[in-house]
Amino acid sequence: MEDTDHLILTPNIDDADDFYADLLAAHEGLSKAESDALNARLVLVLANHIGDRSILKQALKAAARHPQ
């Protein structure tokens, strides 16, 4: 049974390099402001897809960590 109560932080994207290339392509030709806006929209679209506030809070906490 899949654990859906915790944020997945291990690699979990099929063809991750292809996704990264798609992400870079989506930003191609955009200004900094346009790129920032695209990232913000992408975050909101993915957050809506996840939908679980507990998972989203875990994601915010994980993303806010500072490198040591």
Protein backbone atom coordinates (compact mmCIF):
# COMPACT_ATOMS: atom_id res chain seq x y z
CA MET A 1 0.00 0.00 0.00
CA GLU A 2 1.33 3.40 -0.96
CA ASP A 3 1.96 5.88 1.85
CA THR A 4 0.10 9.04 0.85
CA ASP A 5 0.60 10.84 4.16
CA HIS A 6 4.18 11.86 3.48
CA LEU A 7 5.90 13.89 0.83
CA ILE A 8 8.03 11.80 -1.55
CA LEU A 9 11.55 13.22 -1.58
CA THR A 10 13.29 10.35 -3.38
CA PRO A 11 13.51 10.38 -7.19
CA ASN A 12 10.00 9.69 -8.51
CA ILE A 13 9.75 11.26 -11.99
CA ASP A 14 9.75 9.03 -15.08
CA ASP A 15 12.33 10.31 -17.55
CA ALA A 16 13.43 13.10 -15.21
CA ASP A 17 15.99 14.43 -17.72
CA ASP A 18 13.27 14.78 -20.35
CA PHE A 19 11.04 16.63 -17.88
CA TYR A 20 13.93 18.98 -17.05
CA ALA A 21 14.46 19.63 -20.76
CA ASP A 22 10.71 20.38 -21.13
CA LEU A 23 10.91 22.76 -18.17
CA LEU A 24 13.87 24.60 -19.66
CA ALA A 25 12.12 24.78 -23.04
CA ALA A 26 9.04 26.31 -21.41
CA HIS A 27 11.26 29.14 -20.09
CA GLU A 28 13.11 29.71 -23.34
CA GLY A 29 12.88 33.29 -24.54
CA LEU A 30 11.12 34.55 -21.40
CA SER A 31 12.25 37.55 -19.40
CA LYS A 32 13.11 37.06 -15.72
CA ALA A 33 9.67 38.37 -14.74
CA GLU A 34 7.91 36.09 -17.24
CA SER A 35 9.98 33.11 -16.08
CA ASP A 36 9.16 33.86 -12.44
CA ALA A 37 5.46 34.10 -13.33
CA LEU A 38 5.60 30.78 -15.18
CA ASN A 39 7.21 29.14 -12.13
CA ALA A 40 4.54 30.59 -9.86
CA ARG A 41 1.74 29.32 -12.12
CA LEU A 42 3.39 25.89 -12.32
CA VAL A 43 3.62 25.71 -8.52
CA LEU A 44 -0.07 26.58 -8.19
CA VAL A 45 -1.13 24.07 -10.86
CA LEU A 46 0.88 21.28 -9.22
CA ALA A 47 -0.31 22.27 -5.73
CA ASN A 48 -3.88 22.08 -6.96
CA HIS A 49 -3.20 18.64 -8.41
CA ILE A 50 -1.72 17.42 -5.11
CA GLY A 51 -4.57 19.00 -3.20
CA ASP A 52 -3.56 17.66 0.23
CA ARG A 53 -2.68 20.55 2.56
CA SER A 54 -0.56 18.30 4.78
CA ILE A 55 1.58 17.24 1.82
CA LEU A 56 1.79 20.82 0.59
CA LYS A 57 2.97 22.00 4.03
CA GLN A 58 5.66 19.29 3.96
CA ALA A 59 6.70 20.47 0.49
CA LEU A 60 6.95 24.08 1.64
CA LYS A 61 9.08 23.04 4.59
CA ALA A 62 11.35 20.90 2.39
CA ALA A 63 11.77 23.67 -0.19
CA ALA A 64 12.56 26.28 2.48
CA ARG A 65 15.55 24.34 3.83
CA HIS A 66 18.83 26.14 3.47
CA PRO A 67 21.85 24.22 2.16
CA GLN A 68 24.26 23.28 4.90
